Amino acid sequence: MIIPVRCWSCGKPIGHLWESFQDKVNAGDERKKVLDELGLERYCCRAMFLGHSDLIDTAAQFKKF
């Protein structure tokens, strides 16, 4: 639902990069170029960003009890 603070495979901190990634992709930049600019070189970290779907807004619509 929310991007993890660290990569699950290698442990590199990646959570702080999510907002800038989203802003640049929504502005029309190519995803590969944005990932390179952010310094995400490992395939596990790149997969975290490319495979993430932001579902927090969908989950927030439901009540707990």
C-alpha atoms as a PDB file:
ATOM      1  CA  MET A   1       0.000   0.000   0.000  1.00  0.00           C
ATOM      2  CA  ILE A   2       2.786   2.439   0.884  1.00  0.00           C
ATOM      3  CA  ILE A   3       6.285   2.156  -0.557  1.00  0.00           C
ATOM      4  CA  PRO A   4       8.572   0.485   1.996  1.00  0.00           C
ATOM      5  CA  VAL A   5      11.244   2.568   3.699  1.00  0.00           C
ATOM      6  CA  ARG A   6      13.953   0.093   2.679  1.00  0.00           C
ATOM      7  CA  CYS A   7      14.315  -2.352  -0.189  1.00  0.00           C
ATOM      8  CA  TRP A   8      13.258  -5.823   0.917  1.00  0.00           C
ATOM      9  CA  SER A   9      16.177  -7.527  -0.807  1.00  0.00           C
ATOM     10  CA  CYS A  10      19.234  -5.362  -0.224  1.00  0.00           C
ATOM     11  CA  GLY A  11      18.127  -3.002   2.553  1.00  0.00           C
ATOM     12  CA  LYS A  12      18.929   0.248   0.734  1.00  0.00           C
ATOM     13  CA  PRO A  13      16.770   3.196   1.915  1.00  0.00           C
ATOM     14  CA  ILE A  14      14.354   4.013  -0.920  1.00  0.00           C
ATOM     15  CA  GLY A  15      11.222   5.436   0.735  1.00  0.00           C
ATOM     16  CA  HIS A  16      12.365   9.048   0.496  1.00  0.00           C
ATOM     17  CA  LEU A  17      12.692   8.780  -3.290  1.00  0.00           C
ATOM     18  CA  TRP A  18       9.077   7.800  -4.016  1.00  0.00           C
ATOM     19  CA  GLU A  19       7.564  11.300  -4.173  1.00  0.00           C
ATOM     20  CA  SER A  20      10.219  12.652  -6.513  1.00  0.00           C
ATOM     21  CA  PHE A  21       9.838   9.546  -8.705  1.00  0.00           C
ATOM     22  CA  GLN A  22       6.069  10.068  -8.917  1.00  0.00           C
ATOM     23  CA  ASP A  23       6.433  13.780  -9.674  1.00  0.00           C
ATOM     24  CA  LYS A  24       8.905  13.223 -12.498  1.00  0.00           C
ATOM     25  CA  VAL A  25       6.943  10.345 -14.054  1.00  0.00           C
ATOM     26  CA  ASN A  26       3.702  12.337 -13.896  1.00  0.00           C
ATOM     27  CA  ALA A  27       5.521  15.229 -15.572  1.00  0.00           C
ATOM     28  CA  GLY A  28       6.180  12.944 -18.535  1.00  0.00           C
ATOM     29  CA  ASP A  29       9.746  11.754 -18.015  1.00  0.00           C
ATOM     30  CA  GLU A  30      10.732   8.233 -18.970  1.00  0.00           C
ATOM     31  CA  ARG A  31      10.787   5.814 -16.008  1.00  0.00           C
ATOM     32  CA  LYS A  32      14.219   4.396 -16.812  1.00  0.00           C
ATOM     33  CA  LYS A  33      15.736   7.856 -16.953  1.00  0.00           C
ATOM     34  CA  VAL A  34      14.118   8.863 -13.643  1.00  0.00           C
ATOM     35  CA  LEU A  35      15.367   5.722 -11.882  1.00  0.00           C
ATOM     36  CA  ASP A  36      18.885   6.406 -13.160  1.00  0.00           C
ATOM     37  CA  GLU A  37      18.738  10.022 -11.949  1.00  0.00           C
ATOM     38  CA  LEU A  38      17.596   8.924  -8.490  1.00  0.00           C
ATOM     39  CA  GLY A  39      20.550   6.547  -8.209  1.00  0.00           C
ATOM     40  CA  LEU A  40      18.588   3.298  -8.207  1.00  0.00           C
ATOM     41  CA  GLU A  41      20.953   0.909  -9.954  1.00  0.00           C
ATOM     42  CA  ARG A  42      20.152  -2.436  -8.358  1.00  0.00           C
ATOM     43  CA  TYR A  43      17.432  -4.456 -10.039  1.00  0.00           C
ATOM     44  CA  CYS A  44      15.719  -5.198  -6.712  1.00  0.00           C
ATOM     45  CA  CYS A  45      15.288  -1.493  -5.883  1.00  0.00           C
ATOM     46  CA  ARG A  46      14.106  -0.710  -9.399  1.00  0.00           C
ATOM     47  CA  ALA A  47      11.571  -3.522  -9.194  1.00  0.00           C
ATOM     48  CA  MET A  48      10.201  -2.072  -5.950  1.00  0.00           C
ATOM     49  CA  PHE A  49       9.409   1.189  -7.752  1.00  0.00           C
ATOM     50  CA  LEU A  50       8.151  -0.284 -11.012  1.00  0.00           C
ATOM     51  CA  GLY A  51       5.992  -2.936  -9.371  1.00  0.00           C
ATOM     52  CA  HIS A  52       4.447  -0.740  -6.685  1.00  0.00           C
ATOM     53  CA  SER A  53       0.782   0.213  -6.939  1.00  0.00           C
ATOM     54  CA  ASP A  54      -0.377   2.953  -4.611  1.00  0.00           C
ATOM     55  CA  LEU A  55      -3.502   1.604  -2.887  1.00  0.00           C
ATOM     56  CA  ILE A  56      -3.586   3.730   0.270  1.00  0.00           C
ATOM     57  CA  ASP A  57      -6.451   5.887  -1.029  1.00  0.00           C
ATOM     58  CA  THR A  58      -8.526   2.794  -1.843  1.00  0.00           C
ATOM     59  CA  ALA A  59      -7.900   1.208   1.561  1.00  0.00           C
ATOM     60  CA  ALA A  60      -8.658   4.468   3.390  1.00  0.00           C
ATOM     61  CA  GLN A  61     -12.239   4.418   2.121  1.00  0.00           C
ATOM     62  CA  PHE A  62     -13.152   1.417   4.281  1.00  0.00           C
ATOM     63  CA  LYS A  63     -13.903   1.558   7.993  1.00  0.00           C
ATOM     64  CA  LYS A  64     -11.976  -0.544  10.467  1.00  0.00           C
ATOM     65  CA  PHE A  65     -15.067  -1.808  12.283  1.00  0.00           C
END
